[in-house]
């Protein structure tokens, strides 16, 4: 929070983050740490984080998958949880799990530069660099595609040897900057 007008009350949700003890334990094991603060009252709250871009994503009963470091804020009508993605996340530096946000409301996500929402249709799958990936929602299936060959092993590859490929119908958000390893927001 950088400013607010009106009458507001700020309350940190504590260790459970609104998910209960079981949810907090799942987050700890998965490495998807998220600390939420509950804001109630009347007025406007202005949020910022290190001058990163903030994108508002409306959810209407669907689920948004996003790295926990990219979550800025969410409406009270949304619930958070952990979605295990398995070894495909480890191989790309994303980790074993990701955060899922579901319900009705708006989620605010962070990115380095303006997040770009790319449509995916059944006719046209989308490939994304894992280091530019921010979030996705819709009826999407994610695969990890690798192009590892002898040139990659010798260090003469393109540097694009691993990508996420999305099939189905939905939107994938990418940032116009690649991050090295873990998200540095």
N, C-alpha and C. Protein backbone atom coordinates (compact mmCIF):
# COMPACT_ATOMS: atom_id res chain seq x y z
N UNK A 1 0.84 -1.16 0.00
CA UNK A 1 0.00 0.00 0.00
C UNK A 1 0.89 1.23 0.00
N UNK A 2 0.64 2.13 -0.95
CA UNK A 2 1.41 3.37 -0.96
C UNK A 2 0.56 4.55 -0.50
N UNK A 3 -0.77 4.39 -0.58
CA UNK A 3 -1.67 5.44 -0.10
C UNK A 3 -3.09 4.90 -0.08
N UNK A 4 -3.95 5.58 0.65
CA UNK A 4 -5.38 5.28 0.60
C UNK A 4 -6.16 6.51 1.02
N UNK A 5 -7.40 6.56 0.54
CA UNK A 5 -8.29 7.61 1.01
C UNK A 5 -9.51 6.95 1.62
N UNK A 6 -10.23 7.68 2.44
CA UNK A 6 -11.38 7.11 3.12
C UNK A 6 -10.98 6.47 4.43
N UNK A 7 -11.84 5.59 4.91
CA UNK A 7 -11.61 4.89 6.17
C UNK A 7 -11.29 3.43 5.87
N UNK A 8 -10.08 3.01 6.16
CA UNK A 8 -9.63 1.65 5.87
C UNK A 8 -9.05 1.01 7.12
N UNK A 9 -9.18 -0.30 7.18
CA UNK A 9 -8.56 -1.10 8.23
C UNK A 9 -7.71 -2.16 7.55
N UNK A 10 -6.48 -2.35 8.03
CA UNK A 10 -5.55 -3.31 7.45
C UNK A 10 -5.26 -4.39 8.48
N UNK A 11 -5.39 -5.64 8.07
CA UNK A 11 -5.16 -6.77 8.98
C UNK A 11 -4.42 -7.87 8.23
N UNK A 12 -3.25 -8.22 8.71
CA UNK A 12 -2.48 -9.33 8.12
C UNK A 12 -3.21 -10.63 8.43
N UNK A 13 -3.31 -11.52 7.43
CA UNK A 13 -4.06 -12.75 7.63
C UNK A 13 -3.31 -13.79 8.42
N UNK A 14 -2.06 -13.57 8.70
CA UNK A 14 -1.31 -14.50 9.54
C UNK A 14 -0.77 -15.69 8.77
N UNK A 15 -0.35 -16.70 9.51
CA UNK A 15 0.34 -17.85 8.94
C UNK A 15 -0.53 -18.64 7.97
N UNK A 16 -1.85 -18.67 8.18
CA UNK A 16 -2.70 -19.49 7.33
C UNK A 16 -3.07 -18.80 6.04
N UNK A 17 -2.92 -17.49 5.94
CA UNK A 17 -3.22 -16.76 4.71
C UNK A 17 -4.65 -16.92 4.24
N UNK A 18 -5.56 -17.24 5.16
CA UNK A 18 -6.96 -17.40 4.79
C UNK A 18 -7.28 -18.79 4.27
N UNK A 19 -6.31 -19.69 4.25
CA UNK A 19 -6.52 -21.04 3.72
C UNK A 19 -6.59 -22.09 4.79
N UNK A 20 -6.47 -21.71 6.05
CA UNK A 20 -6.45 -22.68 7.12
C UNK A 20 -5.06 -23.27 7.28
N UNK A 21 -4.89 -24.03 8.34
CA UNK A 21 -3.59 -24.62 8.65
C UNK A 21 -3.14 -25.60 7.58
N UNK A 22 -4.06 -26.38 7.04
CA UNK A 22 -3.72 -27.34 5.98
C UNK A 22 -3.18 -26.62 4.74
N UNK A 23 -3.83 -25.52 4.36
CA UNK A 23 -3.38 -24.74 3.21
C UNK A 23 -2.01 -24.14 3.44
N UNK A 24 -1.77 -23.65 4.66
CA UNK A 24 -0.47 -23.07 5.00
C UNK A 24 0.62 -24.13 4.93
N UNK A 25 0.32 -25.33 5.39
CA UNK A 25 1.29 -26.43 5.34
C UNK A 25 1.60 -26.81 3.89
N UNK A 26 0.56 -26.89 3.05
CA UNK A 26 0.77 -27.21 1.63
C UNK A 26 1.64 -26.16 0.96
N UNK A 27 1.41 -24.89 1.27
CA UNK A 27 2.22 -23.82 0.70
C UNK A 27 3.67 -23.93 1.13
N UNK A 28 3.89 -24.21 2.40
CA UNK A 28 5.25 -24.31 2.93
C UNK A 28 5.99 -25.46 2.24
N UNK A 29 5.35 -26.62 2.13
CA UNK A 29 5.97 -27.78 1.49
C UNK A 29 6.24 -27.50 0.01
N UNK A 30 5.31 -26.82 -0.66
CA UNK A 30 5.43 -26.55 -2.09
C UNK A 30 6.35 -25.38 -2.40
N UNK A 31 6.70 -24.57 -1.39
CA UNK A 31 7.55 -23.41 -1.65
C UNK A 31 6.79 -22.26 -2.30
N UNK A 32 5.47 -22.27 -2.21
CA UNK A 32 4.64 -21.21 -2.80
C UNK A 32 4.18 -20.28 -1.69
N UNK A 33 5.10 -19.52 -1.13
CA UNK A 33 4.78 -18.63 -0.03
C UNK A 33 3.99 -17.42 -0.50
N UNK A 34 2.94 -17.10 0.24
CA UNK A 34 2.15 -15.92 -0.09
C UNK A 34 1.65 -15.32 1.23
N UNK A 35 1.83 -14.03 1.40
CA UNK A 35 1.36 -13.34 2.58
C UNK A 35 0.29 -12.36 2.15
N UNK A 36 -0.90 -12.51 2.71
CA UNK A 36 -2.00 -11.64 2.34
C UNK A 36 -2.38 -10.72 3.49
N UNK A 37 -2.87 -9.54 3.14
CA UNK A 37 -3.38 -8.60 4.11
C UNK A 37 -4.82 -8.30 3.74
N UNK A 38 -5.70 -8.34 4.71
CA UNK A 38 -7.11 -8.03 4.48
C UNK A 38 -7.33 -6.54 4.67
N UNK A 39 -7.96 -5.91 3.66
CA UNK A 39 -8.26 -4.49 3.72
C UNK A 39 -9.77 -4.34 3.68
N UNK A 40 -10.33 -3.68 4.69
CA UNK A 40 -11.77 -3.44 4.74
C UNK A 40 -12.02 -1.96 4.94
N UNK A 41 -13.20 -1.53 4.54
CA UNK A 41 -13.58 -0.14 4.73
C UNK A 41 -14.16 0.46 3.48
N UNK A 42 -14.19 1.77 3.44
CA UNK A 42 -14.73 2.51 2.31
C UNK A 42 -13.68 3.50 1.83
N UNK A 43 -13.43 3.50 0.52
CA UNK A 43 -12.43 4.39 -0.05
C UNK A 43 -11.65 3.67 -1.13
N UNK A 44 -10.47 4.18 -1.40
CA UNK A 44 -9.61 3.63 -2.44
C UNK A 44 -8.23 3.36 -1.86
N UNK A 45 -7.68 2.17 -2.16
CA UNK A 45 -6.33 1.81 -1.74
C UNK A 45 -5.46 1.80 -2.99
N UNK A 46 -4.31 2.44 -2.92
CA UNK A 46 -3.35 2.48 -4.03
C UNK A 46 -2.20 1.55 -3.68
N UNK A 47 -1.95 0.59 -4.58
CA UNK A 47 -0.93 -0.42 -4.34
C UNK A 47 0.23 -0.27 -5.33
N UNK A 48 1.42 -0.63 -4.90
CA UNK A 48 2.60 -0.62 -5.76
C UNK A 48 3.62 -1.58 -5.19
N UNK A 49 4.53 -2.05 -6.05
CA UNK A 49 5.62 -2.93 -5.62
C UNK A 49 6.82 -2.71 -6.52
N UNK A 50 7.80 -1.97 -6.04
CA UNK A 50 9.05 -1.76 -6.76
C UNK A 50 8.85 -1.28 -8.19
N UNK A 51 7.83 -0.51 -8.46
CA UNK A 51 7.55 0.08 -9.77
C UNK A 51 7.28 -0.97 -10.85
N UNK A 52 6.86 -2.18 -10.45
CA UNK A 52 6.50 -3.19 -11.44
C UNK A 52 5.11 -2.88 -11.98
N UNK A 53 4.79 -3.48 -13.12
CA UNK A 53 3.48 -3.30 -13.74
C UNK A 53 2.44 -4.14 -12.99
N UNK A 54 1.23 -3.64 -12.90
CA UNK A 54 0.13 -4.37 -12.28
C UNK A 54 -0.95 -4.55 -13.33
N UNK A 55 -1.40 -5.79 -13.49
CA UNK A 55 -2.46 -6.12 -14.43
C UNK A 55 -3.65 -6.67 -13.65
N UNK A 56 -4.83 -6.15 -13.94
CA UNK A 56 -6.06 -6.63 -13.29
C UNK A 56 -6.70 -7.69 -14.16
N UNK A 57 -6.99 -8.86 -13.57
CA UNK A 57 -7.58 -9.96 -14.31
C UNK A 57 -8.91 -10.32 -13.65
N UNK A 58 -10.02 -10.08 -14.36
CA UNK A 58 -11.33 -10.45 -13.80
C UNK A 58 -11.56 -11.95 -13.92
N UNK A 59 -12.03 -12.57 -12.85
CA UNK A 59 -12.37 -13.98 -12.86
C UNK A 59 -13.87 -14.12 -12.62
N UNK A 60 -14.48 -14.98 -13.39
CA UNK A 60 -15.93 -15.20 -13.28
C UNK A 60 -16.19 -16.68 -13.07
N UNK A 61 -15.70 -17.18 -11.94
CA UNK A 61 -15.88 -18.59 -11.62
C UNK A 61 -14.80 -19.49 -12.18
N UNK A 62 -13.81 -18.91 -12.85
CA UNK A 62 -12.73 -19.73 -13.39
C UNK A 62 -11.52 -19.66 -12.47
N UNK A 63 -10.43 -20.29 -12.88
CA UNK A 63 -9.23 -20.39 -12.06
C UNK A 63 -8.05 -19.74 -12.78
N UNK A 64 -7.30 -18.94 -12.05
CA UNK A 64 -6.07 -18.33 -12.55
C UNK A 64 -4.91 -19.04 -11.89
N UNK A 65 -3.94 -19.49 -12.69
CA UNK A 65 -2.71 -20.09 -12.17
C UNK A 65 -1.61 -19.06 -12.31
N UNK A 66 -0.89 -18.79 -11.22
CA UNK A 66 0.10 -17.72 -11.21
C UNK A 66 1.17 -18.05 -10.17
N UNK A 67 2.41 -17.66 -10.45
CA UNK A 67 3.47 -17.83 -9.46
C UNK A 67 3.17 -16.92 -8.26
N UNK A 68 3.39 -17.42 -7.04
CA UNK A 68 3.02 -16.66 -5.85
C UNK A 68 3.69 -15.30 -5.78
N UNK A 69 4.92 -15.18 -6.29
CA UNK A 69 5.63 -13.90 -6.26
C UNK A 69 4.98 -12.87 -7.17
N UNK A 70 4.10 -13.31 -8.07
CA UNK A 70 3.43 -12.38 -8.99
C UNK A 70 2.06 -11.95 -8.51
N UNK A 71 1.62 -12.43 -7.35
CA UNK A 71 0.31 -12.05 -6.81
C UNK A 71 0.45 -10.75 -6.04
N UNK A 72 -0.32 -9.72 -6.45
CA UNK A 72 -0.30 -8.43 -5.76
C UNK A 72 -1.49 -8.30 -4.81
N UNK A 73 -2.70 -8.57 -5.33
CA UNK A 73 -3.91 -8.39 -4.53
C UNK A 73 -5.03 -9.19 -5.17
N UNK A 74 -6.08 -9.46 -4.37
CA UNK A 74 -7.25 -10.13 -4.91
C UNK A 74 -8.48 -9.74 -4.11
N UNK A 75 -9.63 -9.76 -4.80
CA UNK A 75 -10.90 -9.45 -4.16
C UNK A 75 -11.24 -10.52 -3.13
N UNK A 76 -12.09 -10.13 -2.16
CA UNK A 76 -12.49 -11.05 -1.10
C UNK A 76 -13.27 -12.25 -1.64
N UNK A 77 -13.86 -12.14 -2.83
CA UNK A 77 -14.62 -13.24 -3.42
C UNK A 77 -13.76 -14.30 -4.05
N UNK A 78 -12.44 -14.16 -3.96
CA UNK A 78 -11.52 -15.13 -4.56
C UNK A 78 -10.83 -15.94 -3.47
N UNK A 79 -10.58 -17.20 -3.76
CA UNK A 79 -9.87 -18.07 -2.83
C UNK A 79 -8.55 -18.48 -3.47
N UNK A 80 -7.54 -18.69 -2.62
CA UNK A 80 -6.24 -19.13 -3.11
C UNK A 80 -5.99 -20.56 -2.67
N UNK A 81 -5.14 -21.23 -3.40
CA UNK A 81 -4.73 -22.59 -3.08
C UNK A 81 -3.44 -22.90 -3.80
N UNK A 82 -2.99 -24.13 -3.66
CA UNK A 82 -1.75 -24.58 -4.28
C UNK A 82 -2.09 -25.66 -5.29
N UNK A 83 -1.51 -25.55 -6.48
CA UNK A 83 -1.67 -26.57 -7.52
C UNK A 83 -0.30 -27.16 -7.79
N UNK A 84 -0.15 -28.45 -7.56
CA UNK A 84 1.12 -29.11 -7.83
C UNK A 84 1.27 -29.31 -9.33
N UNK A 85 2.42 -28.91 -9.87
CA UNK A 85 2.69 -29.08 -11.29
C UNK A 85 3.75 -30.14 -11.54
N UNK A 86 4.38 -30.63 -10.48
CA UNK A 86 5.31 -31.74 -10.60
C UNK A 86 6.66 -31.34 -11.18
N UNK A 87 7.32 -32.34 -11.73
CA UNK A 87 8.68 -32.14 -12.23
C UNK A 87 8.77 -31.20 -13.40
N UNK A 88 7.68 -31.01 -14.16
CA UNK A 88 7.77 -30.09 -15.29
C UNK A 88 8.06 -28.67 -14.82
N UNK A 89 7.61 -28.31 -13.62
CA UNK A 89 7.92 -27.00 -13.07
C UNK A 89 9.36 -26.90 -12.60
N UNK A 90 9.87 -27.98 -12.01
CA UNK A 90 11.25 -27.98 -11.53
C UNK A 90 12.24 -27.82 -12.68
N UNK A 91 11.95 -28.45 -13.81
CA UNK A 91 12.85 -28.39 -14.95
C UNK A 91 12.93 -27.03 -15.59
N UNK A 92 11.97 -26.16 -15.29
CA UNK A 92 11.95 -24.83 -15.88
C UNK A 92 12.26 -23.75 -14.86
N UNK A 93 12.54 -24.13 -13.62
CA UNK A 93 12.84 -23.15 -12.58
C UNK A 93 11.60 -22.59 -11.91
N UNK A 94 10.41 -23.11 -12.23
CA UNK A 94 9.17 -22.60 -11.66
C UNK A 94 8.82 -23.25 -10.33
N UNK A 95 9.40 -24.39 -9.99
CA UNK A 95 9.11 -25.07 -8.74
C UNK A 95 8.09 -26.19 -8.92
N UNK A 96 7.83 -26.91 -7.84
CA UNK A 96 6.92 -28.05 -7.88
C UNK A 96 5.45 -27.64 -7.89
N UNK A 97 5.15 -26.40 -7.53
CA UNK A 97 3.76 -25.99 -7.40
C UNK A 97 3.59 -24.55 -7.86
N UNK A 98 2.35 -24.18 -8.07
CA UNK A 98 2.00 -22.81 -8.42
C UNK A 98 0.76 -22.42 -7.62
N UNK A 99 0.47 -21.16 -7.56
CA UNK A 99 -0.70 -20.68 -6.83
C UNK A 99 -1.90 -20.67 -7.76
N UNK A 100 -3.04 -21.11 -7.24
CA UNK A 100 -4.28 -21.01 -8.01
C UNK A 100 -5.21 -20.06 -7.26
N UNK A 101 -5.85 -19.21 -8.04
CA UNK A 101 -6.83 -18.25 -7.52
C UNK A 101 -8.12 -18.55 -8.24
N UNK A 102 -9.20 -18.78 -7.49
CA UNK A 102 -10.46 -19.12 -8.14
C UNK A 102 -11.63 -18.43 -7.48
N UNK A 103 -12.71 -18.28 -8.25
CA UNK A 103 -13.93 -17.67 -7.75
C UNK A 103 -14.36 -16.51 -8.63
N UNK A 104 -15.06 -15.57 -8.00
CA UNK A 104 -15.57 -14.39 -8.70
C UNK A 104 -14.94 -13.14 -8.10
N UNK A 105 -14.28 -12.35 -8.93
CA UNK A 105 -13.64 -11.13 -8.48
C UNK A 105 -12.46 -10.80 -9.38
N UNK A 106 -11.63 -9.88 -8.92
CA UNK A 106 -10.48 -9.43 -9.70
C UNK A 106 -9.19 -9.74 -8.96
N UNK A 107 -8.22 -10.26 -9.70
CA UNK A 107 -6.88 -10.51 -9.15
C UNK A 107 -5.93 -9.51 -9.80
N UNK A 108 -5.02 -8.97 -9.01
CA UNK A 108 -3.98 -8.07 -9.51
C UNK A 108 -2.66 -8.83 -9.51
N UNK A 109 -2.02 -8.90 -10.68
CA UNK A 109 -0.75 -9.61 -10.79
C UNK A 109 0.36 -8.65 -11.19
N UNK A 110 1.58 -9.01 -10.82
CA UNK A 110 2.76 -8.19 -11.10
C UNK A 110 3.55 -8.77 -12.26
N UNK A 111 4.20 -7.88 -13.02
CA UNK A 111 5.08 -8.32 -14.09
C UNK A 111 6.14 -7.25 -14.35
N UNK A 112 7.25 -7.67 -14.94
CA UNK A 112 8.29 -6.72 -15.37
C UNK A 112 7.87 -6.20 -16.74
N UNK A 113 7.36 -5.01 -16.79
CA UNK A 113 6.77 -4.46 -18.01
C UNK A 113 5.31 -4.88 -18.07
N UNK A 114 4.54 -4.30 -18.98
CA UNK A 114 3.12 -4.61 -19.06
C UNK A 114 2.89 -6.08 -19.44
N UNK A 115 2.05 -6.78 -18.66
CA UNK A 115 1.72 -8.17 -18.98
C UNK A 115 0.97 -8.20 -20.30
N UNK A 116 1.31 -9.17 -21.12
CA UNK A 116 0.69 -9.33 -22.43
C UNK A 116 -0.20 -10.56 -22.37
N UNK A 117 -1.50 -10.39 -22.57
CA UNK A 117 -2.45 -11.50 -22.57
C UNK A 117 -2.55 -12.10 -23.97
N UNK A 118 -2.12 -13.34 -24.12
CA UNK A 118 -2.13 -14.00 -25.43
C UNK A 118 -3.23 -15.07 -25.45
N UNK A 119 -4.12 -14.98 -26.44
CA UNK A 119 -5.22 -15.92 -26.58
C UNK A 119 -4.71 -17.26 -27.09
N UNK A 120 -5.25 -18.33 -26.53
CA UNK A 120 -4.97 -19.68 -27.01
C UNK A 120 -6.30 -20.27 -27.46
N UNK A 121 -6.31 -20.86 -28.65
CA UNK A 121 -7.49 -21.52 -29.16
C UNK A 121 -7.12 -22.97 -29.50
N UNK A 122 -8.12 -23.83 -29.62
CA UNK A 122 -7.81 -25.22 -29.97
C UNK A 122 -7.06 -25.33 -31.30
N UNK A 123 -7.29 -24.41 -32.22
CA UNK A 123 -6.63 -24.45 -33.52
C UNK A 123 -5.19 -23.95 -33.47
N UNK A 124 -4.90 -23.06 -32.52
CA UNK A 124 -3.57 -22.44 -32.48
C UNK A 124 -2.99 -22.56 -31.07
N UNK A 125 -2.14 -23.58 -30.82
CA UNK A 125 -1.48 -23.66 -29.51
C UNK A 125 -0.45 -22.54 -29.37
N UNK A 126 -0.02 -22.30 -28.16
CA UNK A 126 0.92 -21.21 -27.87
C UNK A 126 2.13 -21.78 -27.12
N UNK A 127 3.33 -21.39 -27.54
CA UNK A 127 4.56 -21.75 -26.83
C UNK A 127 5.11 -20.51 -26.15
N UNK A 128 5.54 -20.68 -24.89
CA UNK A 128 5.98 -19.55 -24.06
C UNK A 128 7.30 -19.90 -23.39
N UNK A 129 8.20 -18.95 -23.35
CA UNK A 129 9.44 -19.10 -22.59
C UNK A 129 9.08 -19.13 -21.10
N UNK A 130 9.51 -20.16 -20.36
CA UNK A 130 9.17 -20.24 -18.93
C UNK A 130 9.62 -19.02 -18.12
N UNK A 131 10.66 -18.33 -18.58
CA UNK A 131 11.17 -17.17 -17.85
C UNK A 131 10.39 -15.89 -18.15
N UNK A 132 9.48 -15.96 -19.12
CA UNK A 132 8.60 -14.82 -19.41
C UNK A 132 7.18 -15.08 -18.93
N UNK A 133 6.87 -16.33 -18.57
CA UNK A 133 5.53 -16.71 -18.11
C UNK A 133 5.17 -15.99 -16.82
N UNK A 134 3.90 -15.52 -16.73
CA UNK A 134 3.41 -14.89 -15.51
C UNK A 134 2.20 -15.64 -14.97
N UNK A 135 1.21 -15.92 -15.81
CA UNK A 135 -0.03 -16.56 -15.33
C UNK A 135 -0.82 -17.10 -16.52
N UNK A 136 -1.85 -17.89 -16.23
CA UNK A 136 -2.78 -18.33 -17.28
C UNK A 136 -4.12 -18.71 -16.66
N UNK A 137 -5.16 -18.62 -17.49
CA UNK A 137 -6.47 -19.11 -17.07
C UNK A 137 -7.26 -19.56 -18.28
N UNK A 138 -8.28 -20.34 -18.02
CA UNK A 138 -9.11 -20.91 -19.07
C UNK A 138 -9.00 -22.42 -19.06
N UNK A 139 -9.50 -23.02 -20.09
CA UNK A 139 -9.45 -24.48 -20.23
C UNK A 139 -8.19 -24.85 -21.00
N UNK A 140 -7.06 -24.79 -20.32
CA UNK A 140 -5.77 -25.00 -20.97
C UNK A 140 -5.05 -26.22 -20.41
N UNK A 141 -4.34 -26.89 -21.27
CA UNK A 141 -3.44 -27.97 -20.88
C UNK A 141 -2.02 -27.47 -21.15
N UNK A 142 -1.15 -27.66 -20.18
CA UNK A 142 0.23 -27.19 -20.32
C UNK A 142 1.16 -28.38 -20.46
N UNK A 143 2.01 -28.34 -21.47
CA UNK A 143 3.06 -29.33 -21.66
C UNK A 143 4.39 -28.61 -21.64
N UNK A 144 5.44 -29.33 -21.31
CA UNK A 144 6.79 -28.79 -21.42
C UNK A 144 7.41 -29.40 -22.67
N UNK A 145 7.89 -28.54 -23.54
CA UNK A 145 8.51 -28.96 -24.80
C UNK A 145 10.00 -28.67 -24.70
N UNK A 146 10.80 -29.68 -25.02
CA UNK A 146 12.25 -29.49 -24.97
C UNK A 146 12.86 -29.71 -26.35
N UNK A 147 13.91 -28.98 -26.60
CA UNK A 147 14.66 -29.11 -27.84
C UNK A 147 16.15 -29.18 -27.46
N UNK A 148 16.47 -30.21 -26.68
CA UNK A 148 17.84 -30.37 -26.23
C UNK A 148 18.56 -31.29 -27.23
N UNK A 149 19.70 -30.82 -27.72
CA UNK A 149 20.49 -31.62 -28.66
C UNK A 149 21.98 -31.40 -28.35
N UNK A 150 22.83 -31.92 -29.17
CA UNK A 150 24.27 -31.83 -28.90
C UNK A 150 24.76 -30.39 -28.89
N UNK A 151 24.14 -29.49 -29.67
CA UNK A 151 24.55 -28.07 -29.67
C UNK A 151 24.22 -27.43 -28.32
N UNK A 152 23.07 -27.80 -27.73
CA UNK A 152 22.68 -27.28 -26.42
C UNK A 152 23.70 -27.70 -25.37
N UNK A 153 24.09 -28.97 -25.40
CA UNK A 153 25.05 -29.51 -24.44
C UNK A 153 26.39 -28.79 -24.55
N UNK A 154 26.80 -28.43 -25.76
CA UNK A 154 28.07 -27.73 -25.98
C UNK A 154 27.98 -26.23 -25.73
N UNK A 155 26.77 -25.75 -25.38
CA UNK A 155 26.61 -24.33 -25.12
C UNK A 155 26.42 -23.49 -26.37
N UNK A 156 26.10 -24.13 -27.50
CA UNK A 156 25.92 -23.40 -28.75
C UNK A 156 24.46 -23.38 -29.19
N UNK A 157 23.56 -23.75 -28.27
CA UNK A 157 22.13 -23.75 -28.61
C UNK A 157 21.57 -22.35 -28.61
N UNK A 158 20.30 -22.26 -28.93
CA UNK A 158 19.64 -20.96 -29.04
C UNK A 158 19.30 -20.36 -27.68
N UNK A 159 19.34 -21.18 -26.62
CA UNK A 159 18.92 -20.69 -25.31
C UNK A 159 17.42 -20.84 -25.12
N UNK A 160 16.73 -21.33 -26.12
CA UNK A 160 15.27 -21.52 -26.06
C UNK A 160 14.95 -23.01 -26.10
N UNK A 161 15.69 -23.82 -25.35
CA UNK A 161 15.54 -25.26 -25.44
C UNK A 161 14.37 -25.82 -24.63
N UNK A 162 13.76 -25.02 -23.77
CA UNK A 162 12.60 -25.45 -22.99
C UNK A 162 11.52 -24.39 -23.12
N UNK A 163 10.31 -24.84 -23.45
CA UNK A 163 9.17 -23.93 -23.53
C UNK A 163 7.95 -24.59 -22.89
N UNK A 164 7.00 -23.76 -22.43
CA UNK A 164 5.67 -24.24 -22.05
C UNK A 164 4.83 -24.17 -23.30
N UNK A 165 4.09 -25.23 -23.60
CA UNK A 165 3.15 -25.19 -24.73
C UNK A 165 1.74 -25.36 -24.16
N UNK A 166 0.86 -24.44 -24.55
CA UNK A 166 -0.53 -24.44 -24.08
C UNK A 166 -1.46 -24.85 -25.21
N UNK A 167 -2.39 -25.76 -24.90
CA UNK A 167 -3.41 -26.23 -25.83
C UNK A 167 -4.76 -26.00 -25.19
N UNK A 168 -5.77 -25.70 -25.98
CA UNK A 168 -7.12 -25.53 -25.46
C UNK A 168 -7.66 -24.16 -25.76
N UNK A 169 -8.38 -23.60 -24.77
CA UNK A 169 -9.00 -22.30 -24.94
C UNK A 169 -8.78 -21.48 -23.67
N UNK A 170 -8.09 -20.33 -23.79
CA UNK A 170 -7.83 -19.49 -22.63
C UNK A 170 -6.86 -18.38 -22.95
N UNK A 171 -6.28 -17.81 -21.89
CA UNK A 171 -5.35 -16.69 -22.02
C UNK A 171 -4.10 -17.00 -21.20
N UNK A 172 -2.94 -16.76 -21.79
CA UNK A 172 -1.65 -16.88 -21.10
C UNK A 172 -1.05 -15.48 -21.03
N UNK A 173 -0.60 -15.10 -19.83
CA UNK A 173 0.01 -13.79 -19.63
C UNK A 173 1.53 -13.96 -19.57
N UNK A 174 2.22 -13.17 -20.37
CA UNK A 174 3.68 -13.16 -20.37
C UNK A 174 4.14 -11.74 -20.11
N UNK A 175 5.38 -11.62 -19.65
CA UNK A 175 5.97 -10.29 -19.44
C UNK A 175 7.02 -10.06 -20.51
N UNK A 176 7.25 -8.79 -20.87
CA UNK A 176 8.23 -8.49 -21.92
C UNK A 176 9.66 -8.46 -21.41
N UNK A 177 9.94 -9.33 -20.44
CA UNK A 177 11.30 -9.45 -19.89
C UNK A 177 11.44 -10.86 -19.36
N UNK A 178 12.61 -11.45 -19.58
CA UNK A 178 12.86 -12.78 -19.04
C UNK A 178 13.53 -12.63 -17.69
N UNK A 179 13.21 -13.52 -16.79
CA UNK A 179 13.87 -13.53 -15.49
C UNK A 179 14.79 -14.74 -15.45
N UNK A 180 15.85 -14.63 -14.71
CA UNK A 180 16.76 -15.78 -14.59
C UNK A 180 16.39 -16.52 -13.31
N UNK A 181 16.17 -17.81 -13.45
CA UNK A 181 15.81 -18.64 -12.28
C UNK A 181 14.49 -18.24 -11.69
N UNK A 182 14.47 -17.96 -10.41
CA UNK A 182 13.23 -17.61 -9.70
C UNK A 182 12.82 -16.18 -10.04
N UNK A 183 11.55 -15.91 -9.87
CA UNK A 183 11.00 -14.57 -10.12
C UNK A 183 11.64 -13.57 -9.18
N UNK A 184 12.04 -12.44 -9.70
CA UNK A 184 12.77 -11.45 -8.92
C UNK A 184 11.94 -10.21 -8.61
N UNK A 185 10.63 -10.35 -8.61
CA UNK A 185 9.77 -9.19 -8.34
C UNK A 185 9.82 -8.83 -6.89
